[in-house]
Every structure is written in C-alpha cells, then in structure tokens.
Amino acid sequence: MGEACTELNARLEAVANAAALLGSRLPRVRDPALGRWMAHAIDALLRNISSGHGALDVAIGEGLDALTVGRRAMDLSYSNIGDYAREELGINASTAVKMARLARRLRDRPLLREAVRRGEVSVRKAETVAPVAMGDDEARWILRAKAETVRSLKAAVKAPAIRRRRRRRRHLVEQSPCRAKSLSIQRSASTRVHLRVRLSRTGWYGA
C-alpha cells in the first residue's frame, strides 16, 4: 500500500510539472515547430492522466481492502468498507467492494496488476480475466485483454466451463442405464406417430 502511494505521488508530481510548462492559458502561435511541441506536450499530459485512472483504482482498492482487516473500518466509525466508501469517498458501496476484491486478486497476479496501473488494461477487463489469468497463463491473458473487447473476453473465459459441462452431459448420457425404444401409436388410419420412450429400471417416462 505504501509503495502504491509513493508511486502515485510521483506520477501526480510528474503530471503537475508537465502541466506547469504549458501554462494556464495556451497562446496562439504561428511557429509550426512550437505548435507541434505544444500538441505533443498536451498529448503526453492527457495520456498520463488517462492511464493514471488505473493506478488510482488499484491504490484505492488496496486501501479499501486494508480496511477489511480486523476492526479497522469500525475504528473509523463504519461497520464495513461499503459504508465508509459511500460516505467518505463518494464511491458506491458495491463498487467499493468490487475494487477491494480486485485488489486482492491482483496481489497474486503481479503482471496484471502492473498492466492495470500503467493503463494498458482497463479495470473491467482485469475483473473479467482475473479468474483465469494465473500462473503461466497470466501473460497470455494480458495480451488478449489489450487487444480484445470486454464482451469477447467474457465469452473466452466462460468457454472452457461450457465445454466441460457439455462433456459431462455427454458422459452421463453414455453411461445411463436407461435404454430407448420406439412405440408406434395409431393416430388414424393413415398416420403413425413414433413416440420415443425411455424405459428405466423402475419405470418409463416420455423423452
């Protein structure tokens, strides 16, 4: 937590120094070279601020998670971090819980944590891939998170579980003690309807 705050303070100081070079009001310039320099300076400033959102979310999440230990939240006169975040930080209670949960997961995923802090992977994408971005698979999921949308990442994360459920269902069907028979039922003189009926050891029921 202290390391995150130190790095965050350094980033904020760098942003402040970059903004100070531009001044509070940008003058009109006729020199193309000066205009390009100002454009690149503004671009760097905006990119730094934008990417800093991830570092802020990680730092806040780690702080909120620290308040869940023991009676820390109660020592601040709040029963839980949700109430504290809503009243003191202006953050929705459920959002605060999600931020703390993500911070806990990122502790065991250093590469993903750093990608979020640098603004390379958004918080939503990190939340999506965190359950599977572990061990040797962490770097691979980070690369996917940088290139794919949240929707496609959700589908990719769920795909293995869906395949496992399908394999399990097929296995149960193949191992089932039931057997199927076809019964012909005379509906009319010219029509036959074949009804598949499963006959089990204890009785039968329509399939």
N, C-alpha and C. Protein backbone atom coordinates (compact mmCIF):
# COMPACT_ATOMS: atom_id res chain seq x y z
N MET A 1 0.83 -1.20 0.00
CA MET A 1 0.00 0.00 0.00
C MET A 1 0.86 1.25 0.00
N GLY A 2 1.93 1.27 0.84
CA GLY A 2 2.82 2.42 0.89
C GLY A 2 3.54 2.62 -0.42
N GLU A 3 3.93 1.50 -1.06
CA GLU A 3 4.61 1.59 -2.36
C GLU A 3 3.70 2.20 -3.40
N ALA A 4 2.43 1.78 -3.39
CA ALA A 4 1.48 2.32 -4.36
C ALA A 4 1.29 3.83 -4.17
N CYS A 5 1.20 4.26 -2.92
CA CYS A 5 1.03 5.69 -2.65
C CYS A 5 2.26 6.49 -3.09
N THR A 6 3.44 5.93 -2.85
CA THR A 6 4.67 6.63 -3.25
C THR A 6 4.74 6.79 -4.77
N GLU A 7 4.43 5.71 -5.48
CA GLU A 7 4.45 5.77 -6.94
C GLU A 7 3.37 6.71 -7.46
N LEU A 8 2.21 6.71 -6.81
CA LEU A 8 1.12 7.59 -7.23
C LEU A 8 1.50 9.05 -7.03
N ASN A 9 2.13 9.34 -5.90
CA ASN A 9 2.58 10.72 -5.66
C ASN A 9 3.61 11.16 -6.69
N ALA A 10 4.49 10.25 -7.07
CA ALA A 10 5.50 10.58 -8.09
C ALA A 10 4.83 10.86 -9.43
N ARG A 11 3.81 10.06 -9.76
CA ARG A 11 3.10 10.28 -11.03
C ARG A 11 2.38 11.62 -11.01
N LEU A 12 1.72 11.94 -9.91
CA LEU A 12 1.00 13.21 -9.82
C LEU A 12 1.96 14.39 -9.92
N GLU A 13 3.12 14.24 -9.32
CA GLU A 13 4.12 15.31 -9.39
C GLU A 13 4.60 15.50 -10.83
N ALA A 14 4.80 14.39 -11.54
CA ALA A 14 5.23 14.48 -12.94
C ALA A 14 4.16 15.14 -13.80
N VAL A 15 2.90 14.80 -13.55
CA VAL A 15 1.80 15.43 -14.30
C VAL A 15 1.75 16.92 -14.01
N ALA A 16 1.91 17.29 -12.74
CA ALA A 16 1.88 18.71 -12.38
C ALA A 16 3.02 19.48 -13.04
N ASN A 17 4.20 18.88 -13.10
CA ASN A 17 5.33 19.54 -13.74
C ASN A 17 5.11 19.71 -15.23
N ALA A 18 4.52 18.67 -15.87
CA ALA A 18 4.25 18.76 -17.30
C ALA A 18 3.20 19.82 -17.58
N ALA A 19 2.19 19.91 -16.72
CA ALA A 19 1.14 20.91 -16.92
C ALA A 19 1.68 22.32 -16.70
N ALA A 20 2.64 22.47 -15.79
CA ALA A 20 3.19 23.80 -15.49
C ALA A 20 3.92 24.38 -16.70
N LEU A 21 4.50 23.52 -17.53
CA LEU A 21 5.21 24.00 -18.71
C LEU A 21 4.27 24.63 -19.73
N LEU A 22 3.03 24.17 -19.73
CA LEU A 22 2.06 24.67 -20.71
C LEU A 22 1.41 25.97 -20.27
N GLY A 23 1.35 26.23 -18.99
CA GLY A 23 0.69 27.43 -18.52
C GLY A 23 -0.81 27.23 -18.39
N SER A 24 -1.47 28.19 -17.77
CA SER A 24 -2.92 28.07 -17.55
C SER A 24 -3.71 28.39 -18.81
N ARG A 25 -3.18 29.25 -19.67
CA ARG A 25 -3.85 29.59 -20.93
C ARG A 25 -2.85 29.42 -22.07
N LEU A 26 -3.25 28.66 -23.08
CA LEU A 26 -2.36 28.40 -24.21
C LEU A 26 -2.48 29.52 -25.23
N PRO A 27 -1.39 30.18 -25.58
CA PRO A 27 -1.45 31.27 -26.55
C PRO A 27 -1.55 30.74 -27.97
N ARG A 28 -2.01 31.59 -28.86
CA ARG A 28 -1.99 31.25 -30.28
C ARG A 28 -0.57 31.42 -30.80
N VAL A 29 -0.10 30.45 -31.55
CA VAL A 29 1.27 30.51 -32.05
C VAL A 29 1.26 30.35 -33.57
N ARG A 30 2.20 31.02 -34.21
CA ARG A 30 2.33 30.93 -35.66
C ARG A 30 3.51 30.03 -36.06
N ASP A 31 4.39 29.79 -35.13
CA ASP A 31 5.55 28.96 -35.42
C ASP A 31 5.12 27.48 -35.45
N PRO A 32 5.23 26.80 -36.61
CA PRO A 32 4.81 25.39 -36.70
C PRO A 32 5.55 24.49 -35.72
N ALA A 33 6.83 24.73 -35.55
CA ALA A 33 7.61 23.88 -34.64
C ALA A 33 7.12 24.01 -33.20
N LEU A 34 6.84 25.24 -32.78
CA LEU A 34 6.32 25.45 -31.43
C LEU A 34 4.93 24.85 -31.29
N GLY A 35 4.12 24.97 -32.34
CA GLY A 35 2.78 24.38 -32.31
C GLY A 35 2.84 22.87 -32.15
N ARG A 36 3.76 22.22 -32.89
CA ARG A 36 3.91 20.76 -32.76
C ARG A 36 4.37 20.38 -31.36
N TRP A 37 5.30 21.16 -30.81
CA TRP A 37 5.77 20.86 -29.45
C TRP A 37 4.64 20.94 -28.45
N MET A 38 3.80 21.96 -28.57
CA MET A 38 2.68 22.12 -27.64
C MET A 38 1.68 20.98 -27.81
N ALA A 39 1.44 20.58 -29.06
CA ALA A 39 0.50 19.48 -29.31
C ALA A 39 1.00 18.19 -28.67
N HIS A 40 2.28 17.90 -28.84
CA HIS A 40 2.85 16.68 -28.25
C HIS A 40 2.85 16.76 -26.72
N ALA A 41 3.09 17.94 -26.18
CA ALA A 41 3.08 18.09 -24.72
C ALA A 41 1.68 17.86 -24.15
N ILE A 42 0.67 18.42 -24.84
CA ILE A 42 -0.71 18.21 -24.39
C ILE A 42 -1.09 16.75 -24.50
N ASP A 43 -0.69 16.10 -25.61
CA ASP A 43 -0.99 14.68 -25.80
C ASP A 43 -0.37 13.84 -24.68
N ALA A 44 0.88 14.11 -24.36
CA ALA A 44 1.55 13.36 -23.29
C ALA A 44 0.86 13.57 -21.95
N LEU A 45 0.44 14.81 -21.70
CA LEU A 45 -0.23 15.13 -20.44
C LEU A 45 -1.55 14.38 -20.33
N LEU A 46 -2.36 14.42 -21.40
CA LEU A 46 -3.66 13.75 -21.38
C LEU A 46 -3.51 12.24 -21.26
N ARG A 47 -2.53 11.67 -21.96
CA ARG A 47 -2.32 10.23 -21.88
C ARG A 47 -1.90 9.82 -20.46
N ASN A 48 -1.07 10.63 -19.85
CA ASN A 48 -0.62 10.33 -18.49
C ASN A 48 -1.79 10.37 -17.51
N ILE A 49 -2.63 11.37 -17.67
CA ILE A 49 -3.79 11.48 -16.79
C ILE A 49 -4.74 10.32 -17.00
N SER A 50 -4.99 9.98 -18.30
CA SER A 50 -5.92 8.89 -18.61
C SER A 50 -5.42 7.56 -18.07
N SER A 51 -4.14 7.26 -18.31
CA SER A 51 -3.60 5.99 -17.82
C SER A 51 -3.51 5.96 -16.30
N GLY A 52 -3.48 7.13 -15.68
CA GLY A 52 -3.39 7.18 -14.22
C GLY A 52 -4.64 6.72 -13.51
N HIS A 53 -5.78 6.62 -14.24
CA HIS A 53 -7.02 6.14 -13.61
C HIS A 53 -6.82 4.72 -13.07
N GLY A 54 -6.11 3.88 -13.84
CA GLY A 54 -5.88 2.52 -13.38
C GLY A 54 -5.08 2.48 -12.10
N ALA A 55 -4.04 3.32 -12.02
CA ALA A 55 -3.22 3.37 -10.80
C ALA A 55 -4.04 3.84 -9.61
N LEU A 56 -4.93 4.81 -9.84
CA LEU A 56 -5.79 5.29 -8.76
C LEU A 56 -6.73 4.19 -8.28
N ASP A 57 -7.34 3.46 -9.22
CA ASP A 57 -8.26 2.39 -8.85
C ASP A 57 -7.55 1.31 -8.04
N VAL A 58 -6.34 0.96 -8.47
CA VAL A 58 -5.59 -0.06 -7.73
C VAL A 58 -5.25 0.43 -6.33
N ALA A 59 -4.80 1.68 -6.22
CA ALA A 59 -4.43 2.23 -4.91
C ALA A 59 -5.64 2.31 -3.98
N ILE A 60 -6.77 2.79 -4.50
CA ILE A 60 -7.98 2.88 -3.68
C ILE A 60 -8.45 1.49 -3.28
N GLY A 61 -8.43 0.55 -4.23
CA GLY A 61 -8.85 -0.82 -3.92
C GLY A 61 -7.99 -1.45 -2.84
N GLU A 62 -6.68 -1.23 -2.91
CA GLU A 62 -5.79 -1.78 -1.89
C GLU A 62 -6.03 -1.14 -0.53
N GLY A 63 -6.33 0.16 -0.54
CA GLY A 63 -6.64 0.83 0.72
C GLY A 63 -7.93 0.32 1.33
N LEU A 64 -8.95 0.13 0.49
CA LEU A 64 -10.22 -0.39 0.99
C LEU A 64 -10.06 -1.82 1.50
N ASP A 65 -9.27 -2.61 0.79
CA ASP A 65 -9.04 -3.99 1.24
C ASP A 65 -8.32 -4.00 2.58
N ALA A 66 -7.42 -3.06 2.78
CA ALA A 66 -6.71 -2.98 4.07
C ALA A 66 -7.67 -2.68 5.21
N LEU A 67 -8.74 -1.93 4.91
CA LEU A 67 -9.71 -1.59 5.96
C LEU A 67 -10.59 -2.77 6.36
N THR A 68 -10.57 -3.86 5.57
CA THR A 68 -11.37 -5.03 5.91
C THR A 68 -10.69 -5.89 6.98
N VAL A 69 -9.44 -5.61 7.27
CA VAL A 69 -8.70 -6.40 8.26
C VAL A 69 -9.10 -5.98 9.67
N GLY A 70 -9.47 -6.96 10.47
CA GLY A 70 -9.81 -6.68 11.87
C GLY A 70 -10.93 -5.66 12.03
N ARG A 71 -10.71 -4.68 12.90
CA ARG A 71 -11.72 -3.67 13.21
C ARG A 71 -11.38 -2.30 12.60
N ARG A 72 -10.57 -2.31 11.56
CA ARG A 72 -10.10 -1.04 11.02
C ARG A 72 -11.25 -0.15 10.55
N ALA A 73 -12.21 -0.72 9.85
CA ALA A 73 -13.35 0.08 9.40
C ALA A 73 -14.16 0.58 10.60
N MET A 74 -14.33 -0.26 11.60
CA MET A 74 -15.09 0.13 12.78
C MET A 74 -14.35 1.20 13.58
N ASP A 75 -13.01 1.17 13.53
CA ASP A 75 -12.25 2.22 14.22
C ASP A 75 -12.49 3.59 13.58
N LEU A 76 -12.95 3.58 12.33
CA LEU A 76 -13.30 4.83 11.65
C LEU A 76 -14.79 5.13 11.75
N SER A 77 -15.47 4.38 12.64
CA SER A 77 -16.91 4.57 12.91
C SER A 77 -17.80 4.06 11.78
N TYR A 78 -17.33 3.06 11.02
CA TYR A 78 -18.14 2.46 9.97
C TYR A 78 -18.13 0.95 10.14
N SER A 79 -19.27 0.33 9.87
CA SER A 79 -19.37 -1.12 10.07
C SER A 79 -18.72 -1.91 8.95
N ASN A 80 -18.56 -1.31 7.77
CA ASN A 80 -17.94 -2.02 6.64
C ASN A 80 -17.36 -1.00 5.66
N ILE A 81 -16.60 -1.50 4.69
CA ILE A 81 -15.95 -0.60 3.74
C ILE A 81 -16.94 0.02 2.77
N GLY A 82 -18.08 -0.65 2.57
CA GLY A 82 -19.09 -0.08 1.68
C GLY A 82 -19.63 1.23 2.22
N ASP A 83 -19.98 1.23 3.51
CA ASP A 83 -20.48 2.46 4.14
C ASP A 83 -19.40 3.54 4.17
N TYR A 84 -18.18 3.13 4.47
CA TYR A 84 -17.07 4.09 4.52
C TYR A 84 -16.85 4.74 3.16
N ALA A 85 -16.81 3.92 2.10
CA ALA A 85 -16.55 4.45 0.76
C ALA A 85 -17.67 5.38 0.31
N ARG A 86 -18.90 5.03 0.63
CA ARG A 86 -20.03 5.86 0.22
C ARG A 86 -20.01 7.21 0.92
N GLU A 87 -19.75 7.21 2.21
CA GLU A 87 -19.82 8.45 2.98
C GLU A 87 -18.56 9.31 2.86
N GLU A 88 -17.40 8.68 2.80
CA GLU A 88 -16.14 9.43 2.84
C GLU A 88 -15.52 9.66 1.46
N LEU A 89 -15.71 8.71 0.55
CA LEU A 89 -15.06 8.81 -0.76
C LEU A 89 -16.02 9.11 -1.89
N GLY A 90 -17.32 9.03 -1.61
CA GLY A 90 -18.30 9.26 -2.67
C GLY A 90 -18.34 8.13 -3.68
N ILE A 91 -17.96 6.93 -3.26
CA ILE A 91 -17.96 5.76 -4.13
C ILE A 91 -19.10 4.84 -3.71
N ASN A 92 -19.84 4.33 -4.69
CA ASN A 92 -20.94 3.41 -4.40
C ASN A 92 -20.43 2.21 -3.60
N ALA A 93 -21.24 1.74 -2.67
CA ALA A 93 -20.82 0.66 -1.78
C ALA A 93 -20.44 -0.60 -2.55
N SER A 94 -21.27 -0.99 -3.52
CA SER A 94 -20.97 -2.20 -4.29
C SER A 94 -19.71 -2.03 -5.12
N THR A 95 -19.49 -0.81 -5.64
CA THR A 95 -18.27 -0.54 -6.40
C THR A 95 -17.04 -0.67 -5.50
N ALA A 96 -17.15 -0.18 -4.27
CA ALA A 96 -16.04 -0.28 -3.33
C ALA A 96 -15.68 -1.73 -3.03
N VAL A 97 -16.70 -2.57 -2.87
CA VAL A 97 -16.46 -3.99 -2.61
C VAL A 97 -15.75 -4.63 -3.80
N LYS A 98 -16.18 -4.27 -5.02
CA LYS A 98 -15.53 -4.81 -6.22
C LYS A 98 -14.08 -4.36 -6.32
N MET A 99 -13.83 -3.09 -5.99
CA MET A 99 -12.46 -2.58 -6.05
C MET A 99 -11.56 -3.32 -5.07
N ALA A 100 -12.06 -3.56 -3.86
CA ALA A 100 -11.27 -4.29 -2.86
C ALA A 100 -11.03 -5.73 -3.30
N ARG A 101 -12.07 -6.36 -3.87
CA ARG A 101 -11.92 -7.74 -4.33
C ARG A 101 -10.89 -7.85 -5.46
N LEU A 102 -10.94 -6.90 -6.41
CA LEU A 102 -9.96 -6.91 -7.50
C LEU A 102 -8.55 -6.70 -6.96
N ALA A 103 -8.41 -5.80 -5.99
CA ALA A 103 -7.09 -5.55 -5.40
C ALA A 103 -6.52 -6.82 -4.77
N ARG A 104 -7.39 -7.60 -4.10
CA ARG A 104 -6.93 -8.86 -3.50
C ARG A 104 -6.45 -9.83 -4.58
N ARG A 105 -7.21 -9.91 -5.67
CA ARG A 105 -6.82 -10.82 -6.74
C ARG A 105 -5.52 -10.38 -7.41
N LEU A 106 -5.35 -9.09 -7.57
CA LEU A 106 -4.16 -8.58 -8.25
C LEU A 106 -2.89 -8.82 -7.44
N ARG A 107 -3.03 -9.02 -6.14
CA ARG A 107 -1.84 -9.31 -5.32
C ARG A 107 -1.14 -10.58 -5.79
N ASP A 108 -1.92 -11.55 -6.25
CA ASP A 108 -1.35 -12.81 -6.74
C ASP A 108 -1.13 -12.80 -8.25
N ARG A 109 -1.37 -11.65 -8.87
CA ARG A 109 -1.21 -11.52 -10.32
C ARG A 109 -0.40 -10.25 -10.61
N PRO A 110 0.88 -10.26 -10.31
CA PRO A 110 1.69 -9.04 -10.42
C PRO A 110 1.75 -8.45 -11.81
N LEU A 111 1.76 -9.29 -12.83
CA LEU A 111 1.82 -8.77 -14.21
C LEU A 111 0.53 -8.05 -14.57
N LEU A 112 -0.60 -8.62 -14.20
CA LEU A 112 -1.88 -7.99 -14.48
C LEU A 112 -2.04 -6.70 -13.68
N ARG A 113 -1.58 -6.72 -12.45
CA ARG A 113 -1.64 -5.51 -11.60
C ARG A 113 -0.87 -4.37 -12.25
N GLU A 114 0.33 -4.66 -12.72
CA GLU A 114 1.15 -3.63 -13.34
C GLU A 114 0.52 -3.12 -14.64
N ALA A 115 -0.11 -4.03 -15.40
CA ALA A 115 -0.77 -3.62 -16.64
C ALA A 115 -1.93 -2.67 -16.36
N VAL A 116 -2.67 -2.93 -15.28
CA VAL A 116 -3.77 -2.03 -14.90
C VAL A 116 -3.21 -0.69 -14.44
N ARG A 117 -2.17 -0.71 -13.64
CA ARG A 117 -1.59 0.53 -13.13
C ARG A 117 -1.05 1.41 -14.27
N ARG A 118 -0.52 0.78 -15.30
CA ARG A 118 0.03 1.53 -16.43
C ARG A 118 -1.04 1.99 -17.41
N GLY A 119 -2.28 1.55 -17.19
CA GLY A 119 -3.35 1.92 -18.11
C GLY A 119 -3.38 1.07 -19.36
N GLU A 120 -2.63 -0.03 -19.39
CA GLU A 120 -2.60 -0.90 -20.56
C GLU A 120 -3.81 -1.83 -20.60
N VAL A 121 -4.36 -2.14 -19.44
CA VAL A 121 -5.56 -2.98 -19.32
C VAL A 121 -6.54 -2.26 -18.42
N SER A 122 -7.79 -2.12 -18.86
CA SER A 122 -8.79 -1.42 -18.06
C SER A 122 -9.20 -2.26 -16.86
N VAL A 123 -9.83 -1.60 -15.90
CA VAL A 123 -10.29 -2.31 -14.70
C VAL A 123 -11.32 -3.37 -15.05
N ARG A 124 -12.24 -3.05 -15.95
CA ARG A 124 -13.28 -4.01 -16.34
C ARG A 124 -12.67 -5.25 -16.97
N LYS A 125 -11.68 -5.05 -17.83
CA LYS A 125 -11.02 -6.20 -18.45
C LYS A 125 -10.26 -7.02 -17.42
N ALA A 126 -9.63 -6.33 -16.47
CA ALA A 126 -8.91 -7.04 -15.42
C ALA A 126 -9.86 -7.87 -14.58
N GLU A 127 -11.03 -7.32 -14.25
CA GLU A 127 -12.03 -8.07 -13.49
C GLU A 127 -12.48 -9.30 -14.26
N THR A 128 -12.57 -9.18 -15.59
CA THR A 128 -13.05 -10.28 -16.42
C THR A 128 -12.05 -11.42 -16.49
N VAL A 129 -10.78 -11.10 -16.70
CA VAL A 129 -9.78 -12.16 -16.91
C VAL A 129 -9.10 -12.62 -15.63
N ALA A 130 -9.30 -11.91 -14.53
CA ALA A 130 -8.62 -12.26 -13.27
C ALA A 130 -8.83 -13.72 -12.85
N PRO A 131 -10.04 -14.29 -12.99
CA PRO A 131 -10.22 -15.68 -12.55
C PRO A 131 -9.35 -16.69 -13.29
N VAL A 132 -8.95 -16.37 -14.53
CA VAL A 132 -8.18 -17.33 -15.33
C VAL A 132 -6.74 -16.88 -15.59
N ALA A 133 -6.44 -15.61 -15.34
CA ALA A 133 -5.08 -15.08 -15.60
C ALA A 133 -4.17 -15.41 -14.42
N MET A 134 -3.77 -16.67 -14.34
CA MET A 134 -2.96 -17.12 -13.22
C MET A 134 -1.78 -17.93 -13.72
N GLY A 135 -0.69 -17.87 -12.99
CA GLY A 135 0.48 -18.68 -13.31
C GLY A 135 1.02 -18.42 -14.71
N ASP A 136 1.24 -19.51 -15.44
CA ASP A 136 1.80 -19.40 -16.79
C ASP A 136 0.83 -18.75 -17.78
N ASP A 137 -0.47 -18.73 -17.45
CA ASP A 137 -1.47 -18.16 -18.35
C ASP A 137 -1.63 -16.65 -18.17
N GLU A 138 -1.01 -16.08 -17.16
CA GLU A 138 -1.24 -14.66 -16.87
C GLU A 138 -0.83 -13.76 -18.03
N ALA A 139 0.37 -13.95 -18.56
CA ALA A 139 0.86 -13.10 -19.65
C ALA A 139 -0.01 -13.24 -20.89
N ARG A 140 -0.46 -14.46 -21.18
CA ARG A 140 -1.29 -14.67 -22.37
C ARG A 140 -2.62 -13.93 -22.27
N TRP A 141 -3.23 -13.96 -21.09
CA TRP A 141 -4.50 -13.26 -20.92
C TRP A 141 -4.32 -11.75 -20.92
N ILE A 142 -3.18 -11.27 -20.47
CA ILE A 142 -2.92 -9.83 -20.54
C ILE A 142 -2.85 -9.37 -21.99
N LEU A 143 -2.17 -10.15 -22.83
CA LEU A 143 -2.09 -9.81 -24.25
C LEU A 143 -3.48 -9.81 -24.88
N ARG A 144 -4.31 -10.76 -24.52
CA ARG A 144 -5.67 -10.80 -25.06
C ARG A 144 -6.49 -9.61 -24.56
N ALA A 145 -6.31 -9.26 -23.30
CA ALA A 145 -7.05 -8.13 -22.73
C ALA A 145 -6.68 -6.82 -23.41
N LYS A 146 -5.44 -6.69 -23.83
CA LYS A 146 -5.02 -5.47 -24.52
C LYS A 146 -5.65 -5.35 -25.90
N ALA A 147 -5.94 -6.49 -26.53
CA ALA A 147 -6.39 -6.47 -27.93
C ALA A 147 -7.89 -6.69 -28.10
N GLU A 148 -8.56 -7.33 -27.14
CA GLU A 148 -9.96 -7.71 -27.32
C GLU A 148 -10.89 -6.86 -26.47
N THR A 149 -12.18 -6.97 -26.78
CA THR A 149 -13.21 -6.24 -26.04
C THR A 149 -13.60 -7.01 -24.78
N VAL A 150 -14.28 -6.33 -23.88
CA VAL A 150 -14.75 -6.98 -22.65
C VAL A 150 -15.69 -8.13 -22.99
N ARG A 151 -16.55 -7.91 -23.98
CA ARG A 151 -17.53 -8.93 -24.37
C ARG A 151 -16.84 -10.21 -24.86
N SER A 152 -15.85 -10.06 -25.73
CA SER A 152 -15.16 -11.23 -26.25
C SER A 152 -14.35 -11.93 -25.16
N LEU A 153 -13.81 -11.15 -24.23
CA LEU A 153 -13.07 -11.74 -23.12
C LEU A 153 -13.98 -12.56 -22.22
N LYS A 154 -15.18 -12.05 -21.95
CA LYS A 154 -16.14 -12.79 -21.13
C LYS A 154 -16.47 -14.13 -21.78
N ALA A 155 -16.69 -14.11 -23.10
CA ALA A 155 -17.01 -15.35 -23.81
C ALA A 155 -15.84 -16.32 -23.75
N ALA A 156 -14.62 -15.81 -23.88
CA ALA A 156 -13.44 -16.68 -23.84
C ALA A 156 -13.23 -17.28 -22.46
N VAL A 157 -13.51 -16.51 -21.42
CA VAL A 157 -13.35 -17.01 -20.05
C VAL A 157 -14.37 -18.10 -19.75
N LYS A 158 -15.60 -17.93 -20.26
CA LYS A 158 -16.67 -18.89 -19.98
C LYS A 158 -16.56 -20.14 -20.84
N ALA A 159 -15.89 -20.07 -21.98
CA ALA A 159 -15.86 -21.18 -22.94
C ALA A 159 -15.39 -22.50 -22.33
N PRO A 160 -14.28 -22.55 -21.59
CA PRO A 160 -13.85 -23.84 -21.02
C PRO A 160 -14.89 -24.47 -20.10
N ALA A 161 -15.55 -23.65 -19.29
CA ALA A 161 -16.58 -24.18 -18.38
C ALA A 161 -17.75 -24.75 -19.16
N ILE A 162 -18.13 -24.07 -20.25
CA ILE A 162 -19.24 -24.56 -21.08
C ILE A 162 -18.86 -25.89 -21.71
N ARG A 163 -17.62 -26.00 -22.21
CA ARG A 163 -17.18 -27.26 -22.81
C ARG A 163 -17.15 -28.38 -21.78
N ARG A 164 -16.72 -28.06 -20.55
CA ARG A 164 -16.70 -29.09 -19.51
C ARG A 164 -18.11 -29.59 -19.20
N ARG A 165 -19.07 -28.66 -19.13
CA ARG A 165 -20.46 -29.07 -18.85
C ARG A 165 -21.00 -29.95 -19.96
N ARG A 166 -20.68 -29.61 -21.22
CA ARG A 166 -21.16 -30.42 -22.34
C ARG A 166 -20.55 -31.82 -22.30
N ARG A 167 -19.25 -31.89 -22.01
CA ARG A 167 -18.61 -33.21 -21.93
C ARG A 167 -19.21 -34.03 -20.79
N ARG A 168 -19.51 -33.37 -19.68
CA ARG A 168 -20.09 -34.07 -18.54
C ARG A 168 -21.48 -34.61 -18.89
N ARG A 169 -22.28 -33.80 -19.61
CA ARG A 169 -23.62 -34.26 -20.01
C ARG A 169 -23.53 -35.45 -20.96
N ARG A 170 -22.59 -35.37 -21.93
CA ARG A 170 -22.44 -36.49 -22.87
C ARG A 170 -22.02 -37.76 -22.13
N HIS A 171 -21.13 -37.60 -21.16
CA HIS A 171 -20.67 -38.76 -20.40
C HIS A 171 -21.82 -39.39 -19.62
N LEU A 172 -22.68 -38.55 -19.01
CA LEU A 172 -23.81 -39.07 -18.25
C LEU A 172 -24.79 -39.81 -19.15
N VAL A 173 -25.01 -39.26 -20.36
CA VAL A 173 -25.92 -39.92 -21.29
C VAL A 173 -25.37 -41.26 -21.73
N GLU A 174 -24.05 -41.29 -22.02
CA GLU A 174 -23.44 -42.54 -22.48
C GLU A 174 -23.44 -43.61 -21.39
N GLN A 175 -23.32 -43.18 -20.13
CA GLN A 175 -23.26 -44.13 -19.02
C GLN A 175 -24.63 -44.43 -18.42
N SER A 176 -25.69 -43.83 -18.96
CA SER A 176 -27.02 -44.01 -18.40
C SER A 176 -27.49 -45.45 -18.54
N PRO A 177 -28.13 -46.03 -17.51
CA PRO A 177 -28.63 -47.41 -17.58
C PRO A 177 -29.93 -47.51 -18.36
N CYS A 178 -30.46 -46.38 -18.77
CA CYS A 178 -31.72 -46.39 -19.50
C CYS A 178 -31.49 -46.81 -20.94
N ARG A 179 -32.54 -47.33 -21.58
CA ARG A 179 -32.48 -47.67 -22.99
C ARG A 179 -33.73 -47.13 -23.66
N ALA A 180 -33.60 -46.80 -24.91
CA ALA A 180 -34.71 -46.17 -25.63
C ALA A 180 -35.38 -47.17 -26.56
N LYS A 181 -36.67 -47.06 -26.65
CA LYS A 181 -37.44 -47.86 -27.57
C LYS A 181 -38.43 -46.98 -28.30
N SER A 182 -38.85 -47.43 -29.46
CA SER A 182 -39.84 -46.69 -30.23
C SER A 182 -41.16 -47.43 -30.18
N LEU A 183 -42.17 -46.70 -29.83
CA LEU A 183 -43.50 -47.26 -29.81
C LEU A 183 -44.31 -46.60 -30.90
N SER A 184 -45.03 -47.38 -31.65
CA SER A 184 -45.87 -46.84 -32.70
C SER A 184 -47.29 -46.70 -32.18
N ILE A 185 -47.81 -45.51 -32.30
CA ILE A 185 -49.16 -45.25 -31.82
C ILE A 185 -50.03 -44.92 -33.02
N GLN A 186 -51.12 -45.63 -33.15
CA GLN A 186 -52.03 -45.41 -34.26
C GLN A 186 -52.89 -44.20 -33.97
N ARG A 187 -52.63 -43.09 -34.70
CA ARG A 187 -53.46 -41.90 -34.53
C ARG A 187 -54.67 -41.97 -35.44
N SER A 188 -54.49 -42.39 -36.67
CA SER A 188 -55.61 -42.54 -37.60
C SER A 188 -55.26 -43.66 -38.56
N ALA A 189 -56.09 -43.88 -39.49
CA ALA A 189 -55.86 -44.98 -40.42
C ALA A 189 -54.63 -44.75 -41.29
N SER A 190 -54.25 -43.49 -41.51
CA SER A 190 -53.14 -43.20 -42.43
C SER A 190 -51.93 -42.55 -41.75
N THR A 191 -51.99 -42.34 -40.44
CA THR A 191 -50.91 -41.61 -39.75
C THR A 191 -50.39 -42.40 -38.57
N ARG A 192 -49.09 -42.49 -38.51
CA ARG A 192 -48.45 -43.12 -37.35
C ARG A 192 -47.52 -42.09 -36.70
N VAL A 193 -47.57 -42.01 -35.43
CA VAL A 193 -46.69 -41.13 -34.67
C VAL A 193 -45.76 -41.99 -33.83
N HIS A 194 -44.47 -41.75 -34.02
CA HIS A 194 -43.48 -42.50 -33.25
C HIS A 194 -43.09 -41.70 -32.02
N LEU A 195 -43.34 -42.25 -30.91
CA LEU A 195 -43.03 -41.60 -29.64
C LEU A 195 -41.83 -42.29 -29.00
N ARG A 196 -40.79 -41.48 -28.80
CA ARG A 196 -39.61 -42.04 -28.13
C ARG A 196 -39.89 -42.12 -26.63
N VAL A 197 -39.71 -43.28 -26.11
CA VAL A 197 -39.97 -43.51 -24.70
C VAL A 197 -38.72 -44.12 -24.06
N ARG A 198 -38.30 -43.53 -22.98
CA ARG A 198 -37.17 -44.09 -22.24
C ARG A 198 -37.70 -45.04 -21.17
N LEU A 199 -37.19 -46.23 -21.23
CA LEU A 199 -37.57 -47.23 -20.24
C LEU A 199 -36.43 -47.37 -19.23
N SER A 200 -36.71 -47.05 -17.99
CA SER A 200 -35.69 -47.16 -16.95
C SER A 200 -35.90 -48.44 -16.16
N ARG A 201 -35.07 -48.63 -15.22
CA ARG A 201 -35.19 -49.83 -14.41
C ARG A 201 -36.45 -49.81 -13.55
N THR A 202 -36.90 -48.63 -13.22
CA THR A 202 -38.04 -48.53 -12.30
C THR A 202 -39.33 -48.19 -13.01
N GLY A 203 -39.27 -47.83 -14.26
CA GLY A 203 -40.49 -47.45 -14.96
C GLY A 203 -40.15 -46.79 -16.27
N TRP A 204 -41.09 -46.04 -16.84
CA TRP A 204 -40.83 -45.36 -18.11
C TRP A 204 -41.41 -43.96 -18.03
N TYR A 205 -40.85 -43.12 -18.89
CA TYR A 205 -41.35 -41.74 -18.99
C TYR A 205 -41.02 -41.24 -20.39
N GLY A 206 -41.83 -40.31 -20.89
CA GLY A 206 -41.65 -39.78 -22.24
C GLY A 206 -40.39 -38.95 -22.34
N ALA A 207 -39.61 -39.10 -23.45
CA ALA A 207 -38.38 -38.34 -23.64
C ALA A 207 -38.65 -37.10 -24.44
